[in-house]
Amino acid sequence: MSGHVPIRTCLGCGGRAPKVELLRVVAQQGHLTLDPGQRHGGRGGYLHRDPSCWSTFARRKGNVRSLKVAVDRSARAAFVAEIAGQARNE
Protein backbone atom coordinates (compact mmCIF):
# COMPACT_ATOMS: atom_id res chain seq x y z
CA MET A 1 0.00 0.00 0.00
CA SER A 2 1.45 3.36 -0.98
CA GLY A 3 1.19 6.58 1.02
CA HIS A 4 -0.64 9.76 0.16
CA VAL A 5 0.91 11.83 -2.66
CA PRO A 6 0.03 15.56 -2.52
CA ILE A 7 -1.13 16.92 -5.89
CA ARG A 8 -0.70 20.60 -6.81
CA THR A 9 -1.75 22.74 -9.77
CA CYS A 10 0.79 24.54 -11.98
CA LEU A 11 0.49 28.35 -12.07
CA GLY A 12 1.51 28.29 -15.73
CA CYS A 13 -0.36 25.58 -17.60
CA GLY A 14 -2.95 24.69 -14.96
CA GLY A 15 -1.98 21.02 -15.12
CA ARG A 16 -1.89 18.92 -11.98
CA ALA A 17 1.14 16.94 -10.80
CA PRO A 18 2.66 15.48 -7.65
CA LYS A 19 4.10 18.20 -5.44
CA VAL A 20 7.64 16.73 -5.60
CA GLU A 21 7.73 17.26 -9.39
CA LEU A 22 7.00 21.00 -9.16
CA LEU A 23 8.91 24.14 -8.15
CA ARG A 24 7.44 26.09 -5.22
CA VAL A 25 7.04 29.84 -5.66
CA VAL A 26 6.37 32.31 -2.83
CA ALA A 27 5.69 36.05 -2.82
CA GLN A 28 7.79 37.99 -0.33
CA GLN A 29 7.68 41.77 -0.02
CA GLY A 30 6.22 42.23 -3.48
CA HIS A 31 8.53 39.96 -5.47
CA LEU A 32 8.51 36.28 -6.33
CA THR A 33 11.15 33.84 -5.16
CA LEU A 34 11.77 30.14 -5.51
CA ASP A 35 11.46 28.01 -2.42
CA PRO A 36 13.48 24.89 -3.25
CA GLY A 37 13.39 23.56 0.32
CA GLN A 38 9.67 24.32 0.60
CA ARG A 39 10.29 25.93 3.97
CA HIS A 40 9.44 29.61 3.46
CA GLY A 41 6.40 30.80 5.34
CA GLY A 42 3.27 32.07 3.73
CA ARG A 43 1.28 31.01 0.75
CA GLY A 44 2.97 29.29 -2.13
CA GLY A 45 2.20 28.31 -5.68
CA TYR A 46 3.78 25.72 -7.95
CA LEU A 47 5.24 25.59 -11.45
CA HIS A 48 6.30 22.67 -13.59
CA ARG A 49 10.04 22.51 -14.32
CA ASP A 50 9.18 23.24 -17.97
CA PRO A 51 10.15 26.64 -19.46
CA SER A 52 6.90 26.74 -21.45
CA CYS A 53 4.96 26.82 -18.15
CA TRP A 54 7.23 29.61 -16.92
CA SER A 55 6.55 31.77 -19.99
CA THR A 56 2.80 31.10 -19.78
CA PHE A 57 2.89 32.21 -16.14
CA ALA A 58 4.79 35.39 -17.11
CA ARG A 59 2.17 36.31 -19.75
CA ARG A 60 -0.87 35.91 -17.51
CA LYS A 61 -2.73 38.94 -16.21
CA GLY A 62 -4.33 39.62 -12.86
CA ASN A 63 -3.90 38.23 -9.39
CA VAL A 64 -2.12 35.00 -8.63
CA ARG A 65 -5.00 33.38 -6.82
CA SER A 66 -2.98 30.71 -5.00
CA LEU A 67 -0.64 33.38 -3.59
CA LYS A 68 -3.53 35.75 -2.80
CA VAL A 69 -1.47 38.68 -4.06
CA ALA A 70 -1.31 40.82 -7.18
CA VAL A 71 1.94 40.33 -9.10
CA ASP A 72 2.40 42.52 -12.17
CA ARG A 73 3.63 41.15 -15.48
CA SER A 74 7.06 42.79 -15.20
CA ALA A 75 7.68 41.10 -11.83
CA ARG A 76 6.59 37.77 -13.29
CA ALA A 77 8.86 38.24 -16.31
CA ALA A 78 11.82 39.10 -14.05
CA PHE A 79 11.15 36.00 -11.95
CA VAL A 80 10.97 33.77 -15.03
CA ALA A 81 14.26 35.22 -16.34
CA GLU A 82 15.84 34.52 -12.95
CA ILE A 83 14.77 30.88 -12.78
CA ALA A 84 15.67 30.32 -16.44
CA GLY A 85 19.18 31.63 -15.68
CA GLN A 86 19.45 29.31 -12.68
CA ALA A 87 18.30 26.36 -14.79
CA ARG A 88 21.01 27.08 -17.40
CA ASN A 89 23.69 27.17 -14.71
CA GLU A 90 22.75 23.76 -13.26
PDB file of N, CA and C in Angstrom:
ATOM      1  N   MET A   1       0.838  -1.173   0.000  1.00  0.00           N
ATOM      2  CA  MET A   1       0.000   0.000   0.000  1.00  0.00           C
ATOM      3  C   MET A   1       0.890   1.246   0.000  1.00  0.00           C
ATOM      4  N   SER A   2       0.635   2.155  -0.897  1.00  0.00           N
ATOM      5  CA  SER A   2       1.451   3.364  -0.976  1.00  0.00           C
ATOM      6  C   SER A   2       0.811   4.490  -0.166  1.00  0.00           C
ATOM      7  N   GLY A   3       1.668   5.457   0.230  1.00  0.00           N
ATOM      8  CA  GLY A   3       1.192   6.577   1.022  1.00  0.00           C
ATOM      9  C   GLY A   3       0.530   7.639   0.158  1.00  0.00           C
ATOM     10  N   HIS A   4       0.017   8.638   0.817  1.00  0.00           N
ATOM     11  CA  HIS A   4      -0.643   9.758   0.155  1.00  0.00           C
ATOM     12  C   HIS A   4       0.381  10.591  -0.618  1.00  0.00           C
ATOM     13  N   VAL A   5       0.054  10.979  -1.844  1.00  0.00           N
ATOM     14  CA  VAL A   5       0.912  11.827  -2.662  1.00  0.00           C
ATOM     15  C   VAL A   5       0.177  13.148  -2.883  1.00  0.00           C
ATOM     16  N   PRO A   6       0.693  14.269  -2.318  1.00  0.00           N
ATOM     17  CA  PRO A   6       0.027  15.561  -2.524  1.00  0.00           C
ATOM     18  C   PRO A   6       0.087  15.987  -3.990  1.00  0.00           C
ATOM     19  N   ILE A   7      -1.027  16.445  -4.511  1.00  0.00           N
ATOM     20  CA  ILE A   7      -1.131  16.917  -5.888  1.00  0.00           C
ATOM     21  C   ILE A   7      -1.323  18.429  -5.854  1.00  0.00           C
ATOM     22  N   ARG A   8      -0.591  19.147  -6.726  1.00  0.00           N
ATOM     23  CA  ARG A   8      -0.695  20.601  -6.806  1.00  0.00           C
ATOM     24  C   ARG A   8      -0.947  21.006  -8.261  1.00  0.00           C
ATOM     25  N   THR A   9      -1.436  22.219  -8.450  1.00  0.00           N
ATOM     26  CA  THR A   9      -1.751  22.745  -9.775  1.00  0.00           C
ATOM     27  C   THR A   9      -0.689  23.753 -10.193  1.00  0.00           C
ATOM     28  N   CYS A  10      -0.223  23.645 -11.425  1.00  0.00           N
ATOM     29  CA  CYS A  10       0.794  24.541 -11.975  1.00  0.00           C
ATOM     30  C   CYS A  10       0.198  25.925 -12.231  1.00  0.00           C
ATOM     31  N   LEU A  11       0.928  26.971 -11.822  1.00  0.00           N
ATOM     32  CA  LEU A  11       0.489  28.350 -12.065  1.00  0.00           C
ATOM     33  C   LEU A  11       0.565  28.724 -13.541  1.00  0.00           C
ATOM     34  N   GLY A  12       1.346  27.989 -14.310  1.00  0.00           N
ATOM     35  CA  GLY A  12       1.508  28.289 -15.731  1.00  0.00           C
ATOM     36  C   GLY A  12       0.447  27.630 -16.585  1.00  0.00           C
ATOM     37  N   CYS A  13       0.522  26.309 -16.685  1.00  0.00           N
ATOM     38  CA  CYS A  13      -0.362  25.580 -17.599  1.00  0.00           C
ATOM     39  C   CYS A  13      -1.679  25.148 -16.962  1.00  0.00           C
ATOM     40  N   GLY A  14      -1.738  25.131 -15.635  1.00  0.00           N
ATOM     41  CA  GLY A  14      -2.952  24.689 -14.959  1.00  0.00           C
ATOM     42  C   GLY A  14      -3.043  23.185 -14.809  1.00  0.00           C
ATOM     43  N   GLY A  15      -2.002  22.475 -15.265  1.00  0.00           N
ATOM     44  CA  GLY A  15      -1.983  21.024 -15.121  1.00  0.00           C
ATOM     45  C   GLY A  15      -1.696  20.622 -13.690  1.00  0.00           C
ATOM     46  N   ARG A  16      -2.088  19.406 -13.340  1.00  0.00           N
ATOM     47  CA  ARG A  16      -1.886  18.921 -11.981  1.00  0.00           C
ATOM     48  C   ARG A  16      -0.779  17.874 -11.982  1.00  0.00           C
ATOM     49  N   ALA A  17       0.028  17.883 -10.915  1.00  0.00           N
ATOM     50  CA  ALA A  17       1.138  16.944 -10.800  1.00  0.00           C
ATOM     51  C   ALA A  17       1.482  16.742  -9.335  1.00  0.00           C
ATOM     52  N   PRO A  18       2.202  15.657  -9.031  1.00  0.00           N
ATOM     53  CA  PRO A  18       2.657  15.475  -7.647  1.00  0.00           C
ATOM     54  C   PRO A  18       3.542  16.645  -7.216  1.00  0.00           C
ATOM     55  N   LYS A  19       3.396  17.040  -5.993  1.00  0.00           N
ATOM     56  CA  LYS A  19       4.103  18.199  -5.435  1.00  0.00           C
ATOM     57  C   LYS A  19       5.617  18.095  -5.623  1.00  0.00           C
ATOM     58  N   VAL A  20       6.181  16.905  -5.508  1.00  0.00           N
ATOM     59  CA  VAL A  20       7.640  16.735  -5.602  1.00  0.00           C
ATOM     60  C   VAL A  20       8.171  17.016  -7.000  1.00  0.00           C
ATOM     61  N   GLU A  21       7.312  17.005  -8.017  1.00  0.00           N
ATOM     62  CA  GLU A  21       7.730  17.261  -9.394  1.00  0.00           C
ATOM     63  C   GLU A  21       7.681  18.743  -9.763  1.00  0.00           C
ATOM     64  N   LEU A  22       7.207  19.585  -8.860  1.00  0.00           N
ATOM     65  CA  LEU A  22       6.998  20.998  -9.155  1.00  0.00           C
ATOM     66  C   LEU A  22       7.948  21.888  -8.361  1.00  0.00           C
ATOM     67  N   LEU A  23       8.136  23.116  -8.854  1.00  0.00           N
ATOM     68  CA  LEU A  23       8.908  24.137  -8.151  1.00  0.00           C
ATOM     69  C   LEU A  23       7.954  24.982  -7.325  1.00  0.00           C
ATOM     70  N   ARG A  24       8.296  25.249  -6.062  1.00  0.00           N
ATOM     71  CA  ARG A  24       7.442  26.090  -5.222  1.00  0.00           C
ATOM     72  C   ARG A  24       7.852  27.547  -5.375  1.00  0.00           C
ATOM     73  N   VAL A  25       6.857  28.407  -5.497  1.00  0.00           N
ATOM     74  CA  VAL A  25       7.038  29.844  -5.658  1.00  0.00           C
ATOM     75  C   VAL A  25       6.332  30.544  -4.501  1.00  0.00           C
ATOM     76  N   VAL A  26       7.005  31.516  -3.880  1.00  0.00           N
ATOM     77  CA  VAL A  26       6.374  32.310  -2.826  1.00  0.00           C
ATOM     78  C   VAL A  26       6.540  33.795  -3.153  1.00  0.00           C
ATOM     79  N   ALA A  27       5.605  34.596  -2.670  1.00  0.00           N
ATOM     80  CA  ALA A  27       5.687  36.046  -2.825  1.00  0.00           C
ATOM     81  C   ALA A  27       6.147  36.628  -1.504  1.00  0.00           C
ATOM     82  N   GLN A  28       7.267  37.363  -1.536  1.00  0.00           N
ATOM     83  CA  GLN A  28       7.792  37.994  -0.331  1.00  0.00           C
ATOM     84  C   GLN A  28       8.095  39.445  -0.635  1.00  0.00           C
ATOM     85  N   GLN A  29       7.514  40.335   0.123  1.00  0.00           N
ATOM     86  CA  GLN A  29       7.684  41.773  -0.018  1.00  0.00           C
ATOM     87  C   GLN A  29       7.546  42.242  -1.481  1.00  0.00           C
ATOM     88  N   GLY A  30       6.531  41.749  -2.147  1.00  0.00           N
ATOM     89  CA  GLY A  30       6.221  42.231  -3.476  1.00  0.00           C
ATOM     90  C   GLY A  30       6.970  41.580  -4.621  1.00  0.00           C
ATOM     91  N   HIS A  31       7.877  40.647  -4.356  1.00  0.00           N
ATOM     92  CA  HIS A  31       8.528  39.960  -5.467  1.00  0.00           C
ATOM     93  C   HIS A  31       8.469  38.452  -5.268  1.00  0.00           C
ATOM     94  N   LEU A  32       8.611  37.730  -6.355  1.00  0.00           N
ATOM     95  CA  LEU A  32       8.510  36.282  -6.328  1.00  0.00           C
ATOM     96  C   LEU A  32       9.878  35.651  -6.127  1.00  0.00           C
ATOM     97  N   THR A  33       9.916  34.581  -5.358  1.00  0.00           N
ATOM     98  CA  THR A  33      11.152  33.840  -5.162  1.00  0.00           C
ATOM     99  C   THR A  33      10.857  32.345  -5.191  1.00  0.00           C
ATOM    100  N   LEU A  34      11.871  31.592  -5.565  1.00  0.00           N
ATOM    101  CA  LEU A  34      11.766  30.138  -5.507  1.00  0.00           C
ATOM    102  C   LEU A  34      11.953  29.681  -4.070  1.00  0.00           C
ATOM    103  N   ASP A  35      11.324  28.607  -3.739  1.00  0.00           N
ATOM    104  CA  ASP A  35      11.455  28.013  -2.419  1.00  0.00           C
ATOM    105  C   ASP A  35      11.831  26.538  -2.598  1.00  0.00           C
ATOM    106  N   PRO A  36      13.093  26.272  -2.946  1.00  0.00           N
ATOM    107  CA  PRO A  36      13.480  24.894  -3.250  1.00  0.00           C
ATOM    108  C   PRO A  36      13.336  23.937  -2.070  1.00  0.00           C
ATOM    109  N   GLY A  37      13.540  24.413  -0.854  1.00  0.00           N
ATOM    110  CA  GLY A  37      13.392  23.565   0.319  1.00  0.00           C
ATOM    111  C   GLY A  37      11.968  23.479   0.822  1.00  0.00           C
ATOM    112  N   GLN A  38      11.076  24.241   0.221  1.00  0.00           N
ATOM    113  CA  GLN A  38       9.670  24.315   0.595  1.00  0.00           C
ATOM    114  C   GLN A  38       9.502  24.597   2.080  1.00  0.00           C
ATOM    115  N   ARG A  39      10.294  25.579   2.554  1.00  0.00           N
ATOM    116  CA  ARG A  39      10.291  25.926   3.971  1.00  0.00           C
ATOM    117  C   ARG A  39       9.876  27.363   4.260  1.00  0.00           C
ATOM    118  N   HIS A  40       9.808  28.219   3.225  1.00  0.00           N
ATOM    119  CA  HIS A  40       9.439  29.610   3.460  1.00  0.00           C
ATOM    120  C   HIS A  40       7.996  29.678   3.947  1.00  0.00           C
ATOM    121  N   GLY A  41       7.746  30.626   4.822  1.00  0.00           N
ATOM    122  CA  GLY A  41       6.402  30.796   5.337  1.00  0.00           C
ATOM    123  C   GLY A  41       5.495  31.437   4.306  1.00  0.00           C
ATOM    124  N   GLY A  42       4.238  31.410   4.590  1.00  0.00           N
ATOM    125  CA  GLY A  42       3.267  32.069   3.727  1.00  0.00           C
ATOM    126  C   GLY A  42       2.730  31.157   2.648  1.00  0.00           C
ATOM    127  N   ARG A  43       1.927  31.763   1.816  1.00  0.00           N
ATOM    128  CA  ARG A  43       1.277  31.012   0.749  1.00  0.00           C
ATOM    129  C   ARG A  43       2.233  30.773  -0.406  1.00  0.00           C
ATOM    130  N   GLY A  44       2.114  29.634  -1.006  1.00  0.00           N
ATOM    131  CA  GLY A  44       2.971  29.286  -2.128  1.00  0.00           C
ATOM    132  C   GLY A  44       2.151  28.805  -3.306  1.00  0.00           C
ATOM    133  N   GLY A  45       2.777  28.859  -4.461  1.00  0.00           N
ATOM    134  CA  GLY A  45       2.204  28.314  -5.681  1.00  0.00           C
ATOM    135  C   GLY A  45       3.250  27.404  -6.301  1.00  0.00           C
ATOM    136  N   TYR A  46       2.884  26.707  -7.362  1.00  0.00           N
ATOM    137  CA  TYR A  46       3.780  25.721  -7.949  1.00  0.00           C
ATOM    138  C   TYR A  46       3.847  25.874  -9.456  1.00  0.00           C
ATOM    139  N   LEU A  47       5.016  25.581 -10.010  1.00  0.00           N
ATOM    140  CA  LEU A  47       5.242  25.592 -11.452  1.00  0.00           C
ATOM    141  C   LEU A  47       5.930  24.298 -11.855  1.00  0.00           C
ATOM    142  N   HIS A  48       5.556  23.787 -13.034  1.00  0.00           N
ATOM    143  CA  HIS A  48       6.305  22.666 -13.592  1.00  0.00           C
ATOM    144  C   HIS A  48       7.741  23.117 -13.855  1.00  0.00           C
ATOM    145  N   ARG A  49       8.634  22.197 -14.019  1.00  0.00           N
ATOM    146  CA  ARG A  49      10.038  22.510 -14.323  1.00  0.00           C
ATOM    147  C   ARG A  49      10.237  22.750 -15.820  1.00  0.00           C
ATOM    148  N   ASP A  50       9.183  23.048 -16.515  1.00  0.00           N
ATOM    149  CA  ASP A  50       9.177  23.240 -17.966  1.00  0.00           C
ATOM    150  C   ASP A  50       9.157  24.736 -18.309  1.00  0.00           C
ATOM    151  N   PRO A  51      10.129  25.217 -19.097  1.00  0.00           N
ATOM    152  CA  PRO A  51      10.154  26.645 -19.463  1.00  0.00           C
ATOM    153  C   PRO A  51       8.886  27.146 -20.148  1.00  0.00           C
ATOM    154  N   SER A  52       8.148  26.278 -20.819  1.00  0.00           N
ATOM    155  CA  SER A  52       6.900  26.743 -21.451  1.00  0.00           C
ATOM    156  C   SER A  52       5.874  27.131 -20.388  1.00  0.00           C
ATOM    157  N   CYS A  53       5.854  26.438 -19.257  1.00  0.00           N
ATOM    158  CA  CYS A  53       4.960  26.818 -18.151  1.00  0.00           C
ATOM    159  C   CYS A  53       5.395  28.142 -17.551  1.00  0.00           C
ATOM    160  N   TRP A  54       6.701  28.354 -17.466  1.00  0.00           N
ATOM    161  CA  TRP A  54       7.226  29.609 -16.921  1.00  0.00           C
ATOM    162  C   TRP A  54       6.787  30.789 -17.774  1.00  0.00           C
ATOM    163  N   SER A  55       6.915  30.646 -19.109  1.00  0.00           N
ATOM    164  CA  SER A  55       6.550  31.766 -19.993  1.00  0.00           C
ATOM    165  C   SER A  55       5.043  32.001 -19.985  1.00  0.00           C
ATOM    166  N   THR A  56       4.253  30.941 -19.880  1.00  0.00           N
ATOM    167  CA  THR A  56       2.798  31.101 -19.778  1.00  0.00           C
ATOM    168  C   THR A  56       2.451  31.859 -18.505  1.00  0.00           C
ATOM    169  N   PHE A  57       3.101  31.521 -17.405  1.00  0.00           N
ATOM    170  CA  PHE A  57       2.889  32.213 -16.135  1.00  0.00           C
ATOM    171  C   PHE A  57       3.251  33.695 -16.263  1.00  0.00           C
ATOM    172  N   ALA A  58       4.345  34.004 -16.954  1.00  0.00           N
ATOM    173  CA  ALA A  58       4.788  35.393 -17.113  1.00  0.00           C
ATOM    174  C   ALA A  58       3.793  36.214 -17.930  1.00  0.00           C
ATOM    175  N   ARG A  59       3.105  35.585 -18.876  1.00  0.00           N
ATOM    176  CA  ARG A  59       2.169  36.307 -19.755  1.00  0.00           C
ATOM    177  C   ARG A  59       0.798  36.532 -19.127  1.00  0.00           C
ATOM    178  N   ARG A  60       0.464  35.791 -18.112  1.00  0.00           N
ATOM    179  CA  ARG A  60      -0.866  35.906 -17.511  1.00  0.00           C
ATOM    180  C   ARG A  60      -1.080  37.268 -16.866  1.00  0.00           C
ATOM    181  N   LYS A  61      -2.342  37.668 -16.825  1.00  0.00           N
ATOM    182  CA  LYS A  61      -2.726  38.935 -16.210  1.00  0.00           C
ATOM    183  C   LYS A  61      -3.427  38.664 -14.888  1.00  0.00           C
ATOM    184  N   GLY A  62      -3.516  39.696 -14.070  1.00  0.00           N
ATOM    185  CA  GLY A  62      -4.331  39.624 -12.861  1.00  0.00           C
ATOM    186  C   GLY A  62      -3.624  39.013 -11.669  1.00  0.00           C
ATOM    187  N   ASN A  63      -4.414  38.777 -10.647  1.00  0.00           N
ATOM    188  CA  ASN A  63      -3.899  38.233  -9.391  1.00  0.00           C
ATOM    189  C   ASN A  63      -3.449  36.786  -9.562  1.00  0.00           C
ATOM    190  N   VAL A  64      -2.503  36.407  -8.728  1.00  0.00           N
ATOM    191  CA  VAL A  64      -2.122  35.004  -8.628  1.00  0.00           C
ATOM    192  C   VAL A  64      -2.950  34.458  -7.474  1.00  0.00           C
ATOM    193  N   ARG A  65      -4.006  33.777  -7.809  1.00  0.00           N
ATOM    194  CA  ARG A  65      -5.001  33.385  -6.815  1.00  0.00           C
ATOM    195  C   ARG A  65      -4.410  32.521  -5.702  1.00  0.00           C
ATOM    196  N   SER A  66      -3.527  31.586  -6.040  1.00  0.00           N
ATOM    197  CA  SER A  66      -2.978  30.712  -4.998  1.00  0.00           C
ATOM    198  C   SER A  66      -2.083  31.467  -4.024  1.00  0.00           C
ATOM    199  N   LEU A  67      -1.477  32.578  -4.474  1.00  0.00           N
ATOM    200  CA  LEU A  67      -0.637  33.382  -3.595  1.00  0.00           C
ATOM    201  C   LEU A  67      -1.429  34.463  -2.875  1.00  0.00           C
ATOM    202  N   LYS A  68      -2.653  34.701  -3.341  1.00  0.00           N
ATOM    203  CA  LYS A  68      -3.530  35.753  -2.803  1.00  0.00           C
ATOM    204  C   LYS A  68      -2.836  37.113  -2.808  1.00  0.00           C
ATOM    205  N   VAL A  69      -2.175  37.415  -3.923  1.00  0.00           N
ATOM    206  CA  VAL A  69      -1.473  38.677  -4.062  1.00  0.00           C
ATOM    207  C   VAL A  69      -1.441  39.058  -5.547  1.00  0.00           C
ATOM    208  N   ALA A  70      -1.438  40.346  -5.810  1.00  0.00           N
ATOM    209  CA  ALA A  70      -1.306  40.825  -7.184  1.00  0.00           C
ATOM    210  C   ALA A  70       0.178  40.918  -7.533  1.00  0.00           C
ATOM    211  N   VAL A  71       0.558  40.284  -8.625  1.00  0.00           N
ATOM    212  CA  VAL A  71       1.938  40.326  -9.100  1.00  0.00           C
ATOM    213  C   VAL A  71       1.881  40.811 -10.542  1.00  0.00           C
ATOM    214  N   ASP A  72       2.488  41.983 -10.812  1.00  0.00           N
ATOM    215  CA  ASP A  72       2.400  42.519 -12.169  1.00  0.00           C
ATOM    216  C   ASP A  72       3.246  41.709 -13.149  1.00  0.00           C
ATOM    217  N   ARG A  73       2.965  41.916 -14.427  1.00  0.00           N
ATOM    218  CA  ARG A  73       3.632  41.149 -15.478  1.00  0.00           C
ATOM    219  C   ARG A  73       5.143  41.345 -15.488  1.00  0.00           C
ATOM    220  N   SER A  74       5.614  42.552 -15.179  1.00  0.00           N
ATOM    221  CA  SER A  74       7.065  42.786 -15.197  1.00  0.00           C
ATOM    222  C   SER A  74       7.753  41.995 -14.087  1.00  0.00           C
ATOM    223  N   ALA A  75       7.112  41.888 -12.925  1.00  0.00           N
ATOM    224  CA  ALA A  75       7.679  41.099 -11.829  1.00  0.00           C
ATOM    225  C   ALA A  75       7.678  39.615 -12.185  1.00  0.00           C
ATOM    226  N   ARG A  76       6.638  39.170 -12.852  1.00  0.00           N
ATOM    227  CA  ARG A  76       6.590  37.770 -13.290  1.00  0.00           C
ATOM    228  C   ARG A  76       7.671  37.494 -14.324  1.00  0.00           C
ATOM    229  N   ALA A  77       7.838  38.417 -15.267  1.00  0.00           N
ATOM    230  CA  ALA A  77       8.862  38.240 -16.307  1.00  0.00           C
ATOM    231  C   ALA A  77      10.261  38.220 -15.694  1.00  0.00           C
ATOM    232  N   ALA A  78      10.519  39.076 -14.720  1.00  0.00           N
ATOM    233  CA  ALA A  78      11.817  39.099 -14.051  1.00  0.00           C
ATOM    234  C   ALA A  78      12.053  37.789 -13.298  1.00  0.00           C
ATOM    235  N   PHE A  79      11.035  37.268 -12.667  1.00  0.00           N
ATOM    236  CA  PHE A  79      11.151  36.002 -11.947  1.00  0.00           C
ATOM    237  C   PHE A  79      11.459  34.860 -12.913  1.00  0.00           C
ATOM    238  N   VAL A  80      10.753  34.822 -14.031  1.00  0.00           N
ATOM    239  CA  VAL A  80      10.972  33.770 -15.027  1.00  0.00           C
ATOM    240  C   VAL A  80      12.388  33.855 -15.584  1.00  0.00           C
ATOM    241  N   ALA A  81      12.877  35.061 -15.852  1.00  0.00           N
ATOM    242  CA  ALA A  81      14.256  35.217 -16.340  1.00  0.00           C
ATOM    243  C   ALA A  81      15.245  34.710 -15.298  1.00  0.00           C
ATOM    244  N   GLU A  82      14.963  34.973 -14.038  1.00  0.00           N
ATOM    245  CA  GLU A  82      15.842  34.516 -12.952  1.00  0.00           C
ATOM    246  C   GLU A  82      15.907  32.996 -12.867  1.00  0.00           C
ATOM    247  N   ILE A  83      14.750  32.336 -12.896  1.00  0.00           N
ATOM    248  CA  ILE A  83      14.770  30.877 -12.780  1.00  0.00           C
ATOM    249  C   ILE A  83      15.303  30.226 -14.056  1.00  0.00           C
ATOM    250  N   ALA A  84      15.096  30.860 -15.205  1.00  0.00           N
ATOM    251  CA  ALA A  84      15.673  30.321 -16.443  1.00  0.00           C
ATOM    252  C   ALA A  84      17.198  30.393 -16.380  1.00  0.00           C
ATOM    253  N   GLY A  85      17.744  31.492 -15.844  1.00  0.00           N
ATOM    254  CA  GLY A  85      19.184  31.625 -15.684  1.00  0.00           C
ATOM    255  C   GLY A  85      19.741  30.584 -14.717  1.00  0.00           C
ATOM    256  N   GLN A  86      19.018  30.321 -13.645  1.00  0.00           N
ATOM    257  CA  GLN A  86      19.451  29.310 -12.684  1.00  0.00           C
ATOM    258  C   GLN A  86      19.430  27.933 -13.310  1.00  0.00           C
ATOM    259  N   ALA A  87      18.423  27.660 -14.145  1.00  0.00           N
ATOM    260  CA  ALA A  87      18.302  26.356 -14.791  1.00  0.00           C
ATOM    261  C   ALA A  87      19.456  26.140 -15.778  1.00  0.00           C
ATOM    262  N   ARG A  88      19.877  27.191 -16.461  1.00  0.00           N
ATOM    263  CA  ARG A  88      21.013  27.078 -17.403  1.00  0.00           C
ATOM    264  C   ARG A  88      22.313  26.796 -16.683  1.00  0.00           C
ATOM    265  N   ASN A  89      22.449  27.329 -15.470  1.00  0.00           N
ATOM    266  CA  ASN A  89      23.693  27.168 -14.712  1.00  0.00           C
ATOM    267  C   ASN A  89      23.797  25.815 -14.012  1.00  0.00           C
ATOM    268  N   GLU A  90      22.713  25.080 -13.937  1.00  0.00           N
ATOM    269  CA  GLU A  90      22.748  23.765 -13.258  1.00  0.00           C
ATOM    270  C   GLU A  90      23.244  22.688 -14.152  1.00  0.00           C
TER     271      GLU A  90
END
